[in-house]
Amino acid sequence: MKKHMPAIIVATSFLLYFIYFSSRYTLAYPPGQSACLHASFFLIDKWDTDIDQGDLAYFEMNVENQFYPTGLRWIKKVAAMPNSKVSIEENRVVVDEVTEFPLSLRHIITTLNLSGNSIGEIEDYTKNIQLKDDEVFMIGETTNSFDGRFWGPLKIEQIKGTAYAIF
């Protein structure tokens, strides 16, 4: 038994590390042809829900929309934190009149309308939103992103972790 003790300790250590890693972290990738972020493979820390503007966040979508069922898990960029003012314009999202995210509404609205999934016109989505103290605003990074510009703010409680782009 003494002879096998180092191997047992090493095996137990690996097992405990695996249990810890798998309970805290998840690997994720976008389904199908989704191209809302520049990365395509992510490490998600499910224990870290403390997000900041510019972070990638893993969240549960509980906002009704015509394309996806509620309850799905998504990864998007945090554009605005609680109590921020978000201005959605045709070619950009501006937060607190300081931080600008260049994103065109025209491409995705035209694409969806031409595919038979009528989503409306650009004017339906250009607006100002004042976030409450329990809300954040999420965006994608590409012109194909279906994001907060279409569904509005999320409650902070919907954030389920921080995501890190691997590649």
Foldseek 3Di string as FASTA:
>chain_A
DVVCVVVVVVVVVVVVVVVVPVVFWDKDADPDPDDQAPFGIKIWGQVDLDDDQQFKFWFFAPFDDDPDDGGDIDIFGFHFAAQWKWFDDQQWIDINNPDIQGEHPVVQQVVCVVVVNHLDDRVVQGDMDGGHNQWTFTGTRYNNTDGCSRRNIDGSVRTRTTMDGPD
